[in-house]
């Protein structure tokens, strides 16, 4: 069994079989983008759930808000 995530395997298959077809190239790129974004969001959640103290929690919360903003396609502005 492969260690690669399913989304990346599918992206590779699209690229290998249908390279040059704009829709397939776009779909493969989107699978890769979403896989990376999912990793950022998961990392942000893990940071929140494992923060050992208030200071670390604040940084984890900042990272989570930044990842959410990126997922929503919005700029992240640090609140004061």
N, C-alpha and C. Protein backbone atom coordinates (compact mmCIF):
# COMPACT_ATOMS: atom_id res chain seq x y z
N UNK A 1 0.84 -1.18 0.00
CA UNK A 1 0.00 0.00 0.00
C UNK A 1 0.89 1.24 0.00
N UNK A 2 0.47 2.26 -0.70
CA UNK A 2 1.25 3.48 -0.83
C UNK A 2 1.16 4.35 0.41
N UNK A 3 2.24 5.06 0.69
CA UNK A 3 2.27 6.00 1.82
C UNK A 3 1.70 7.36 1.41
N UNK A 4 1.57 7.60 0.11
CA UNK A 4 1.09 8.90 -0.37
C UNK A 4 -0.41 9.04 -0.15
N UNK A 5 -0.85 10.24 0.19
CA UNK A 5 -2.29 10.48 0.37
C UNK A 5 -3.04 10.30 -0.96
N UNK A 6 -4.27 9.89 -0.84
CA UNK A 6 -5.11 9.62 -2.00
C UNK A 6 -5.22 10.83 -2.93
N UNK A 7 -5.35 12.02 -2.38
CA UNK A 7 -5.48 13.21 -3.22
C UNK A 7 -4.26 13.40 -4.11
N UNK A 8 -3.07 13.15 -3.56
CA UNK A 8 -1.85 13.31 -4.37
C UNK A 8 -1.71 12.19 -5.39
N UNK A 9 -2.13 10.99 -5.04
CA UNK A 9 -2.11 9.89 -6.01
C UNK A 9 -3.04 10.21 -7.19
N UNK A 10 -4.22 10.71 -6.88
CA UNK A 10 -5.16 11.08 -7.94
C UNK A 10 -4.62 12.20 -8.81
N UNK A 11 -4.00 13.18 -8.18
CA UNK A 11 -3.41 14.29 -8.94
C UNK A 11 -2.32 13.77 -9.87
N UNK A 12 -1.49 12.86 -9.38
CA UNK A 12 -0.44 12.28 -10.22
C UNK A 12 -1.03 11.49 -11.39
N UNK A 13 -2.09 10.74 -11.12
CA UNK A 13 -2.72 9.96 -12.18
C UNK A 13 -3.33 10.87 -13.25
N UNK A 14 -3.97 11.93 -12.80
CA UNK A 14 -4.52 12.89 -13.78
C UNK A 14 -3.41 13.48 -14.64
N UNK A 15 -2.33 13.86 -13.99
CA UNK A 15 -1.21 14.45 -14.71
C UNK A 15 -0.57 13.48 -15.69
N UNK A 16 -0.45 12.22 -15.28
CA UNK A 16 0.19 11.22 -16.13
C UNK A 16 -0.69 10.82 -17.32
N UNK A 17 -1.97 10.70 -17.08
CA UNK A 17 -2.87 10.18 -18.12
C UNK A 17 -3.43 11.27 -19.02
N UNK A 18 -3.64 12.45 -18.46
CA UNK A 18 -4.36 13.49 -19.22
C UNK A 18 -3.61 14.81 -19.25
N UNK A 19 -2.30 14.76 -19.14
CA UNK A 19 -1.49 15.98 -19.18
C UNK A 19 -1.74 16.72 -20.49
N UNK A 20 -1.91 18.01 -20.38
CA UNK A 20 -2.17 18.82 -21.56
C UNK A 20 -3.64 19.16 -21.74
N UNK A 21 -4.52 18.43 -21.06
CA UNK A 21 -5.93 18.78 -21.08
C UNK A 21 -6.16 19.80 -19.96
N UNK A 22 -6.52 21.03 -20.31
CA UNK A 22 -6.60 22.10 -19.29
C UNK A 22 -7.44 21.74 -18.08
N UNK A 23 -8.58 21.14 -18.26
CA UNK A 23 -9.44 20.82 -17.12
C UNK A 23 -8.77 19.81 -16.20
N UNK A 24 -8.10 18.82 -16.76
CA UNK A 24 -7.42 17.81 -15.93
C UNK A 24 -6.22 18.42 -15.24
N UNK A 25 -5.49 19.27 -15.94
CA UNK A 25 -4.34 19.94 -15.30
C UNK A 25 -4.81 20.81 -14.14
N UNK A 26 -5.92 21.52 -14.34
CA UNK A 26 -6.48 22.36 -13.27
C UNK A 26 -6.97 21.51 -12.11
N UNK A 27 -7.60 20.39 -12.41
CA UNK A 27 -8.10 19.51 -11.35
C UNK A 27 -6.94 18.94 -10.53
N UNK A 28 -5.87 18.55 -11.20
CA UNK A 28 -4.70 18.01 -10.49
C UNK A 28 -4.08 19.09 -9.61
N UNK A 29 -3.97 20.30 -10.12
CA UNK A 29 -3.41 21.41 -9.33
C UNK A 29 -4.30 21.72 -8.13
N UNK A 30 -5.61 21.66 -8.32
CA UNK A 30 -6.53 21.94 -7.22
C UNK A 30 -6.46 20.85 -6.16
N UNK A 31 -6.33 19.60 -6.55
CA UNK A 31 -6.16 18.53 -5.57
C UNK A 31 -4.91 18.75 -4.74
N UNK A 32 -3.83 19.16 -5.38
CA UNK A 32 -2.59 19.41 -4.65
C UNK A 32 -2.74 20.61 -3.71
N UNK A 33 -3.40 21.66 -4.19
CA UNK A 33 -3.61 22.86 -3.37
C UNK A 33 -4.46 22.52 -2.15
N UNK A 34 -5.54 21.80 -2.36
CA UNK A 34 -6.43 21.44 -1.25
C UNK A 34 -5.74 20.50 -0.26
N UNK A 35 -4.91 19.60 -0.76
CA UNK A 35 -4.17 18.71 0.14
C UNK A 35 -3.24 19.53 1.03
N UNK A 36 -2.54 20.50 0.46
CA UNK A 36 -1.64 21.34 1.24
C UNK A 36 -2.42 22.18 2.25
N UNK A 37 -3.54 22.73 1.83
CA UNK A 37 -4.36 23.54 2.71
C UNK A 37 -4.92 22.69 3.86
N UNK A 38 -5.35 21.49 3.56
CA UNK A 38 -5.84 20.58 4.59
C UNK A 38 -4.74 20.31 5.62
N UNK A 39 -3.51 20.15 5.16
CA UNK A 39 -2.39 19.95 6.07
C UNK A 39 -2.18 21.14 6.99
N UNK A 40 -2.31 22.35 6.44
CA UNK A 40 -2.17 23.55 7.27
C UNK A 40 -3.28 23.64 8.32
N UNK A 41 -4.50 23.36 7.90
CA UNK A 41 -5.62 23.42 8.85
C UNK A 41 -5.48 22.35 9.93
N UNK A 42 -5.09 21.16 9.54
CA UNK A 42 -4.89 20.08 10.52
C UNK A 42 -3.77 20.44 11.49
N UNK A 43 -2.70 21.01 10.97
CA UNK A 43 -1.60 21.43 11.84
C UNK A 43 -2.04 22.49 12.83
N UNK A 44 -2.87 23.44 12.36
CA UNK A 44 -3.37 24.49 13.25
C UNK A 44 -4.25 23.89 14.35
N UNK A 45 -5.10 22.94 14.01
CA UNK A 45 -5.95 22.29 15.01
C UNK A 45 -5.11 21.50 16.02
N UNK A 46 -4.10 20.81 15.53
CA UNK A 46 -3.24 20.05 16.44
C UNK A 46 -2.51 21.00 17.39
N UNK A 47 -2.09 22.15 16.86
CA UNK A 47 -1.42 23.13 17.71
C UNK A 47 -2.32 23.63 18.82
N UNK A 48 -3.59 23.86 18.49
CA UNK A 48 -4.54 24.30 19.52
C UNK A 48 -4.78 23.21 20.55
N UNK A 49 -4.86 21.99 20.08
CA UNK A 49 -5.21 20.91 21.01
C UNK A 49 -4.05 20.47 21.89
N UNK A 50 -2.82 20.85 21.53
CA UNK A 50 -1.67 20.40 22.31
C UNK A 50 -0.88 21.53 22.95
N UNK A 51 -1.40 22.76 22.89
CA UNK A 51 -0.67 23.91 23.47
C UNK A 51 -0.48 23.69 24.97
N UNK A 52 0.78 23.73 25.44
CA UNK A 52 1.05 23.43 26.84
C UNK A 52 0.75 24.58 27.80
N UNK A 53 0.67 25.81 27.28
CA UNK A 53 0.43 26.94 28.17
C UNK A 53 -0.25 28.07 27.40
N UNK A 54 -0.58 29.13 28.10
CA UNK A 54 -1.32 30.24 27.51
C UNK A 54 -0.54 30.89 26.37
N UNK A 55 0.75 31.06 26.53
CA UNK A 55 1.58 31.68 25.50
C UNK A 55 1.57 30.84 24.22
N UNK A 56 1.75 29.56 24.37
CA UNK A 56 1.74 28.66 23.21
C UNK A 56 0.34 28.62 22.59
N UNK A 57 -0.68 28.67 23.43
CA UNK A 57 -2.04 28.66 22.92
C UNK A 57 -2.30 29.90 22.07
N UNK A 58 -1.80 31.06 22.51
CA UNK A 58 -1.98 32.28 21.74
C UNK A 58 -1.36 32.18 20.36
N UNK A 59 -0.17 31.61 20.27
CA UNK A 59 0.48 31.44 18.97
C UNK A 59 -0.27 30.43 18.13
N UNK A 60 -0.73 29.36 18.74
CA UNK A 60 -1.50 28.35 18.02
C UNK A 60 -2.81 28.94 17.50
N UNK A 61 -3.44 29.79 18.29
CA UNK A 61 -4.68 30.44 17.87
C UNK A 61 -4.41 31.37 16.69
N UNK A 62 -3.31 32.10 16.73
CA UNK A 62 -2.91 32.95 15.61
C UNK A 62 -2.74 32.12 14.35
N UNK A 63 -2.03 30.99 14.46
CA UNK A 63 -1.82 30.11 13.30
C UNK A 63 -3.12 29.55 12.77
N UNK A 64 -4.04 29.20 13.68
CA UNK A 64 -5.34 28.67 13.26
C UNK A 64 -6.13 29.73 12.50
N UNK A 65 -6.15 30.95 13.02
CA UNK A 65 -6.88 32.03 12.35
C UNK A 65 -6.28 32.33 10.98
N UNK A 66 -4.97 32.29 10.87
CA UNK A 66 -4.31 32.54 9.59
C UNK A 66 -4.65 31.43 8.59
N UNK A 67 -4.67 30.18 9.04
CA UNK A 67 -5.00 29.06 8.16
C UNK A 67 -6.46 29.13 7.71
N UNK A 68 -7.35 29.51 8.60
CA UNK A 68 -8.76 29.66 8.24
C UNK A 68 -8.94 30.76 7.22
N UNK A 69 -8.28 31.89 7.43
CA UNK A 69 -8.36 32.99 6.47
C UNK A 69 -7.86 32.55 5.10
N UNK A 70 -6.76 31.82 5.07
CA UNK A 70 -6.23 31.34 3.80
C UNK A 70 -7.22 30.40 3.13
N UNK A 71 -7.83 29.51 3.90
CA UNK A 71 -8.81 28.57 3.35
C UNK A 71 -10.01 29.29 2.76
N UNK A 72 -10.37 30.41 3.37
CA UNK A 72 -11.51 31.20 2.90
C UNK A 72 -11.13 32.21 1.82
N UNK A 73 -9.83 32.28 1.51
CA UNK A 73 -9.38 33.21 0.48
C UNK A 73 -9.41 34.66 0.93
N UNK A 74 -9.27 34.88 2.22
CA UNK A 74 -9.32 36.22 2.79
C UNK A 74 -7.96 36.57 3.39
N UNK A 75 -7.64 37.86 3.46
CA UNK A 75 -6.40 38.23 4.14
C UNK A 75 -6.56 38.05 5.64
N UNK A 76 -5.47 37.72 6.29
CA UNK A 76 -5.49 37.59 7.75
C UNK A 76 -4.85 38.84 8.35
N UNK A 77 -5.61 39.52 9.16
CA UNK A 77 -5.13 40.72 9.83
C UNK A 77 -5.06 40.41 11.31
N UNK A 78 -3.86 40.54 11.85
CA UNK A 78 -3.66 40.26 13.27
C UNK A 78 -4.44 41.25 14.11
N UNK A 79 -5.29 40.73 14.98
CA UNK A 79 -6.09 41.60 15.85
C UNK A 79 -5.26 42.02 17.05
N UNK A 80 -5.49 43.24 17.51
CA UNK A 80 -4.76 43.75 18.67
C UNK A 80 -5.57 43.56 19.92
